[in-house]
């Protein structure tokens, strides 16, 4: 996690102090997303989707898919088995997160 520290340069600490303001309300565009791993790359924040949704990632049929492929499918994910209530809740959170990103 990036944070202000005494050992950082003053310029870096100044940049970190405005980071939250900079990212507030921002949407990220990943271009076509053809070279970006849907699960493993940090394309939707400071985390990978595999790290944020480990169980969904583990049972997902599209392990090595790209952002471009998932966007073209309307972010429709398929799984190796039925999702219980907890996993369905995680899937809704993931879907909500995905709708905030634009893929061109």
N, C-alpha and C. Protein backbone atom coordinates (compact mmCIF):
# COMPACT_ATOMS: atom_id res chain seq x y z
N UNK A 1 0.83 -1.18 0.00
CA UNK A 1 0.00 0.00 0.00
C UNK A 1 0.87 1.24 0.00
N UNK A 2 0.50 2.19 -0.81
CA UNK A 2 1.26 3.42 -0.87
C UNK A 2 0.83 4.35 0.25
N UNK A 3 1.81 4.85 0.99
CA UNK A 3 1.48 5.76 2.08
C UNK A 3 2.64 6.72 2.30
N UNK A 4 2.32 7.81 2.94
CA UNK A 4 3.34 8.80 3.26
C UNK A 4 4.27 8.23 4.33
N UNK A 5 5.58 8.41 4.11
CA UNK A 5 6.58 7.94 5.07
C UNK A 5 7.68 8.98 5.18
N UNK A 6 8.34 9.03 6.32
CA UNK A 6 9.43 9.98 6.53
C UNK A 6 10.60 9.71 5.59
N UNK A 7 10.78 8.45 5.18
CA UNK A 7 11.90 8.12 4.31
C UNK A 7 11.63 8.42 2.83
N UNK A 8 10.39 8.76 2.48
CA UNK A 8 10.05 9.14 1.10
C UNK A 8 10.57 10.54 0.80
N UNK A 9 10.71 10.83 -0.47
CA UNK A 9 11.07 12.19 -0.85
C UNK A 9 9.88 13.09 -0.58
N UNK A 10 10.12 14.37 -0.32
CA UNK A 10 9.00 15.30 -0.09
C UNK A 10 8.05 15.38 -1.28
N UNK A 11 8.56 15.29 -2.47
CA UNK A 11 7.71 15.34 -3.67
C UNK A 11 6.79 14.13 -3.70
N UNK A 12 7.32 12.94 -3.43
CA UNK A 12 6.51 11.73 -3.43
C UNK A 12 5.42 11.82 -2.36
N UNK A 13 5.77 12.30 -1.17
CA UNK A 13 4.77 12.44 -0.11
C UNK A 13 3.68 13.44 -0.50
N UNK A 14 4.06 14.52 -1.20
CA UNK A 14 3.05 15.48 -1.69
C UNK A 14 2.12 14.82 -2.69
N UNK A 15 2.66 14.02 -3.60
CA UNK A 15 1.81 13.31 -4.57
C UNK A 15 0.87 12.34 -3.86
N UNK A 16 1.37 11.63 -2.87
CA UNK A 16 0.53 10.70 -2.12
C UNK A 16 -0.58 11.42 -1.36
N UNK A 17 -0.33 12.63 -0.95
CA UNK A 17 -1.35 13.36 -0.18
C UNK A 17 -2.54 13.76 -1.05
N UNK A 18 -2.39 13.82 -2.37
CA UNK A 18 -3.52 14.17 -3.25
C UNK A 18 -4.04 12.96 -4.03
N UNK A 19 -3.49 11.78 -3.75
CA UNK A 19 -3.89 10.58 -4.48
C UNK A 19 -5.39 10.31 -4.40
N UNK A 20 -5.97 10.38 -3.21
CA UNK A 20 -7.39 10.09 -3.03
C UNK A 20 -8.26 11.06 -3.82
N UNK A 21 -7.89 12.32 -3.83
CA UNK A 21 -8.62 13.31 -4.60
C UNK A 21 -8.51 13.02 -6.09
N UNK A 22 -7.33 12.62 -6.52
CA UNK A 22 -7.09 12.32 -7.94
C UNK A 22 -7.96 11.15 -8.43
N UNK A 23 -8.08 10.10 -7.64
CA UNK A 23 -8.81 8.91 -8.10
C UNK A 23 -10.32 8.99 -7.84
N UNK A 24 -10.77 9.95 -7.07
CA UNK A 24 -12.18 10.08 -6.74
C UNK A 24 -13.02 10.30 -8.00
N UNK A 25 -13.98 9.42 -8.23
CA UNK A 25 -14.89 9.57 -9.36
C UNK A 25 -14.28 9.24 -10.71
N UNK A 26 -13.10 8.73 -10.74
CA UNK A 26 -12.41 8.45 -11.99
C UNK A 26 -12.80 7.09 -12.52
N UNK A 27 -12.91 6.96 -13.84
CA UNK A 27 -13.10 5.67 -14.48
C UNK A 27 -11.84 5.35 -15.27
N UNK A 28 -11.47 4.11 -15.24
CA UNK A 28 -10.27 3.70 -15.95
C UNK A 28 -10.65 3.10 -17.29
N UNK A 29 -9.94 3.49 -18.33
CA UNK A 29 -10.12 2.88 -19.65
C UNK A 29 -8.91 2.00 -19.91
N UNK A 30 -9.13 0.79 -20.29
CA UNK A 30 -8.04 -0.16 -20.50
C UNK A 30 -7.78 -0.40 -21.98
N UNK A 31 -8.23 0.54 -22.80
CA UNK A 31 -8.08 0.35 -24.24
C UNK A 31 -8.93 -0.82 -24.67
N UNK A 32 -8.40 -1.64 -25.55
CA UNK A 32 -9.14 -2.81 -26.01
C UNK A 32 -9.08 -3.96 -25.01
N UNK A 33 -8.11 -3.95 -24.14
CA UNK A 33 -8.01 -4.97 -23.10
C UNK A 33 -7.52 -6.32 -23.60
N UNK A 34 -6.96 -6.35 -24.80
CA UNK A 34 -6.53 -7.63 -25.39
C UNK A 34 -5.29 -8.22 -24.72
N UNK A 35 -4.49 -7.38 -24.11
CA UNK A 35 -3.26 -7.87 -23.48
C UNK A 35 -3.34 -7.86 -21.95
N UNK A 36 -4.55 -7.69 -21.42
CA UNK A 36 -4.71 -7.59 -19.98
C UNK A 36 -5.45 -8.81 -19.46
N UNK A 37 -4.84 -9.50 -18.51
CA UNK A 37 -5.46 -10.67 -17.90
C UNK A 37 -6.62 -10.23 -17.02
N UNK A 38 -7.79 -10.80 -17.26
CA UNK A 38 -8.98 -10.45 -16.49
C UNK A 38 -8.79 -10.72 -15.01
N UNK A 39 -8.27 -11.88 -14.64
CA UNK A 39 -8.15 -12.26 -13.24
C UNK A 39 -6.85 -11.83 -12.59
N UNK A 40 -5.73 -11.82 -13.32
CA UNK A 40 -4.42 -11.70 -12.69
C UNK A 40 -3.81 -10.31 -12.71
N UNK A 41 -4.16 -9.46 -13.68
CA UNK A 41 -3.59 -8.11 -13.74
C UNK A 41 -4.37 -7.15 -12.86
N UNK A 42 -3.70 -6.10 -12.42
CA UNK A 42 -4.34 -5.07 -11.59
C UNK A 42 -4.89 -3.97 -12.49
N UNK A 43 -5.95 -4.29 -13.21
CA UNK A 43 -6.50 -3.35 -14.18
C UNK A 43 -7.70 -2.57 -13.65
N UNK A 44 -8.23 -2.96 -12.52
CA UNK A 44 -9.43 -2.28 -12.01
C UNK A 44 -9.21 -1.73 -10.61
N UNK A 45 -8.01 -1.29 -10.33
CA UNK A 45 -7.70 -0.72 -9.03
C UNK A 45 -6.33 -1.19 -8.56
N UNK A 46 -6.11 -1.12 -7.27
CA UNK A 46 -4.82 -1.52 -6.69
C UNK A 46 -4.80 -3.00 -6.35
N UNK A 47 -5.62 -3.78 -7.02
CA UNK A 47 -5.73 -5.21 -6.71
C UNK A 47 -6.09 -5.95 -7.99
N UNK A 48 -5.79 -7.23 -8.01
CA UNK A 48 -6.27 -8.08 -9.10
C UNK A 48 -7.63 -8.64 -8.69
N UNK A 49 -8.43 -9.01 -9.67
CA UNK A 49 -9.73 -9.62 -9.34
C UNK A 49 -9.54 -10.96 -8.64
N UNK A 50 -8.45 -11.66 -8.96
CA UNK A 50 -8.14 -12.92 -8.28
C UNK A 50 -7.92 -12.68 -6.78
N UNK A 51 -7.27 -11.57 -6.44
CA UNK A 51 -7.03 -11.25 -5.02
C UNK A 51 -8.31 -10.80 -4.32
N UNK A 52 -9.15 -10.06 -5.01
CA UNK A 52 -10.38 -9.53 -4.40
C UNK A 52 -11.49 -10.58 -4.32
N UNK A 53 -11.54 -11.49 -5.32
CA UNK A 53 -12.59 -12.51 -5.39
C UNK A 53 -11.94 -13.89 -5.61
N UNK A 54 -11.17 -14.38 -4.65
CA UNK A 54 -10.40 -15.61 -4.86
C UNK A 54 -11.25 -16.85 -5.14
N UNK A 55 -12.37 -17.00 -4.48
CA UNK A 55 -13.19 -18.19 -4.71
C UNK A 55 -13.83 -18.17 -6.08
N UNK A 56 -14.32 -17.01 -6.52
CA UNK A 56 -14.89 -16.91 -7.86
C UNK A 56 -13.83 -17.19 -8.92
N UNK A 57 -12.65 -16.65 -8.70
CA UNK A 57 -11.56 -16.87 -9.64
C UNK A 57 -11.20 -18.35 -9.74
N UNK A 58 -11.17 -19.01 -8.60
CA UNK A 58 -10.78 -20.42 -8.55
C UNK A 58 -11.75 -21.33 -9.30
N UNK A 59 -13.06 -21.05 -9.23
CA UNK A 59 -14.04 -21.94 -9.85
C UNK A 59 -14.53 -21.43 -11.21
N UNK A 60 -13.97 -20.32 -11.67
CA UNK A 60 -14.36 -19.76 -12.95
C UNK A 60 -13.82 -20.58 -14.11
N UNK A 61 -14.61 -20.74 -15.17
CA UNK A 61 -14.18 -21.50 -16.35
C UNK A 61 -13.19 -20.74 -17.22
N UNK A 62 -13.16 -19.43 -17.11
CA UNK A 62 -12.29 -18.61 -17.96
C UNK A 62 -11.06 -18.15 -17.19
N UNK A 63 -10.22 -19.08 -16.80
CA UNK A 63 -9.05 -18.76 -15.99
C UNK A 63 -8.04 -17.85 -16.70
N UNK A 64 -7.84 -18.06 -17.98
CA UNK A 64 -6.79 -17.32 -18.69
C UNK A 64 -7.38 -16.36 -19.72
N UNK A 65 -8.52 -15.82 -19.43
CA UNK A 65 -9.17 -14.92 -20.37
C UNK A 65 -8.65 -13.50 -20.22
N UNK A 66 -8.93 -12.68 -21.21
CA UNK A 66 -8.52 -11.29 -21.19
C UNK A 66 -9.70 -10.39 -20.85
N UNK A 67 -9.39 -9.16 -20.53
CA UNK A 67 -10.43 -8.17 -20.28
C UNK A 67 -11.28 -7.98 -21.54
N UNK A 68 -10.63 -7.97 -22.70
CA UNK A 68 -11.36 -7.78 -23.97
C UNK A 68 -12.40 -8.88 -24.18
N UNK A 69 -12.03 -10.12 -23.96
CA UNK A 69 -12.97 -11.23 -24.15
C UNK A 69 -14.13 -11.15 -23.17
N UNK A 70 -13.84 -10.82 -21.92
CA UNK A 70 -14.91 -10.73 -20.94
C UNK A 70 -15.83 -9.55 -21.23
N UNK A 71 -15.28 -8.43 -21.64
CA UNK A 71 -16.10 -7.27 -21.96
C UNK A 71 -17.00 -7.57 -23.16
N UNK A 72 -16.46 -8.27 -24.15
CA UNK A 72 -17.26 -8.58 -25.34
C UNK A 72 -18.38 -9.58 -25.01
N UNK A 73 -18.23 -10.33 -23.94
CA UNK A 73 -19.29 -11.26 -23.53
C UNK A 73 -20.29 -10.60 -22.59
N UNK A 74 -20.14 -9.30 -22.37
CA UNK A 74 -21.03 -8.60 -21.44
C UNK A 74 -20.70 -8.92 -20.00
N UNK A 75 -19.43 -9.25 -19.74
CA UNK A 75 -18.95 -9.60 -18.39
C UNK A 75 -19.64 -10.85 -17.85
N UNK A 76 -20.10 -11.73 -18.75
CA UNK A 76 -20.76 -12.97 -18.30
C UNK A 76 -19.71 -14.02 -17.94
N UNK A 77 -19.74 -14.43 -16.71
CA UNK A 77 -18.81 -15.44 -16.21
C UNK A 77 -19.51 -16.78 -16.10
N UNK A 78 -18.77 -17.84 -16.35
CA UNK A 78 -19.32 -19.19 -16.15
C UNK A 78 -18.44 -19.91 -15.13
N UNK A 79 -19.08 -20.81 -14.40
CA UNK A 79 -18.38 -21.47 -13.29
C UNK A 79 -18.52 -22.99 -13.39
N UNK A 80 -17.57 -23.67 -12.75
CA UNK A 80 -17.54 -25.13 -12.78
C UNK A 80 -18.66 -25.75 -11.95
N UNK A 81 -19.18 -25.02 -10.99
CA UNK A 81 -20.31 -25.53 -10.22
C UNK A 81 -21.22 -24.40 -9.81
N UNK A 82 -22.40 -24.77 -9.31
CA UNK A 82 -23.42 -23.83 -8.90
C UNK A 82 -22.91 -22.94 -7.78
N UNK A 83 -23.31 -21.67 -7.79
CA UNK A 83 -22.87 -20.72 -6.78
C UNK A 83 -23.86 -20.68 -5.62
N UNK A 84 -23.35 -20.89 -4.42
CA UNK A 84 -24.20 -20.77 -3.25
C UNK A 84 -24.50 -19.29 -3.00
N UNK A 85 -25.27 -19.00 -1.98
CA UNK A 85 -25.70 -17.63 -1.71
C UNK A 85 -24.52 -16.68 -1.50
N UNK A 86 -23.51 -17.13 -0.79
CA UNK A 86 -22.34 -16.30 -0.53
C UNK A 86 -21.59 -15.97 -1.83
N UNK A 87 -21.41 -16.97 -2.68
CA UNK A 87 -20.72 -16.74 -3.95
C UNK A 87 -21.56 -15.89 -4.89
N UNK A 88 -22.87 -16.04 -4.85
CA UNK A 88 -23.74 -15.18 -5.65
C UNK A 88 -23.61 -13.73 -5.21
N UNK A 89 -23.48 -13.50 -3.92
CA UNK A 89 -23.28 -12.15 -3.39
C UNK A 89 -21.96 -11.57 -3.89
N UNK A 90 -20.90 -12.40 -3.87
CA UNK A 90 -19.61 -11.96 -4.39
C UNK A 90 -19.69 -11.64 -5.88
N UNK A 91 -20.43 -12.46 -6.63
CA UNK A 91 -20.59 -12.23 -8.06
C UNK A 91 -21.30 -10.91 -8.31
N UNK A 92 -22.31 -10.58 -7.52
CA UNK A 92 -22.99 -9.28 -7.67
C UNK A 92 -22.02 -8.13 -7.41
N UNK A 93 -21.17 -8.26 -6.40
CA UNK A 93 -20.18 -7.22 -6.11
C UNK A 93 -19.19 -7.08 -7.27
N UNK A 94 -18.77 -8.21 -7.82
CA UNK A 94 -17.87 -8.19 -8.96
C UNK A 94 -18.53 -7.53 -10.16
N UNK A 95 -19.78 -7.86 -10.43
CA UNK A 95 -20.51 -7.28 -11.55
C UNK A 95 -20.67 -5.78 -11.37
N UNK A 96 -20.97 -5.34 -10.16
CA UNK A 96 -21.08 -3.90 -9.89
C UNK A 96 -19.75 -3.20 -10.15
N UNK A 97 -18.66 -3.83 -9.76
CA UNK A 97 -17.34 -3.27 -9.99
C UNK A 97 -17.04 -3.16 -11.48
N UNK A 98 -17.36 -4.20 -12.23
CA UNK A 98 -17.04 -4.23 -13.66
C UNK A 98 -17.80 -3.17 -14.45
N UNK A 99 -19.00 -2.83 -14.04
CA UNK A 99 -19.78 -1.85 -14.80
C UNK A 99 -19.19 -0.45 -14.73
N UNK A 100 -18.23 -0.20 -13.85
CA UNK A 100 -17.62 1.12 -13.75
C UNK A 100 -16.41 1.28 -14.68
N UNK A 101 -16.08 0.25 -15.46
CA UNK A 101 -14.93 0.31 -16.34
C UNK A 101 -15.33 0.31 -17.79
N UNK A 102 -14.64 1.12 -18.57
CA UNK A 102 -14.92 1.22 -20.01
C UNK A 102 -13.83 0.51 -20.79
N UNK A 103 -14.24 -0.33 -21.71
CA UNK A 103 -13.30 -1.02 -22.60
C UNK A 103 -13.65 -0.59 -24.00
N UNK A 104 -12.67 -0.07 -24.73
CA UNK A 104 -12.92 0.44 -26.08
C UNK A 104 -12.58 -0.57 -27.14
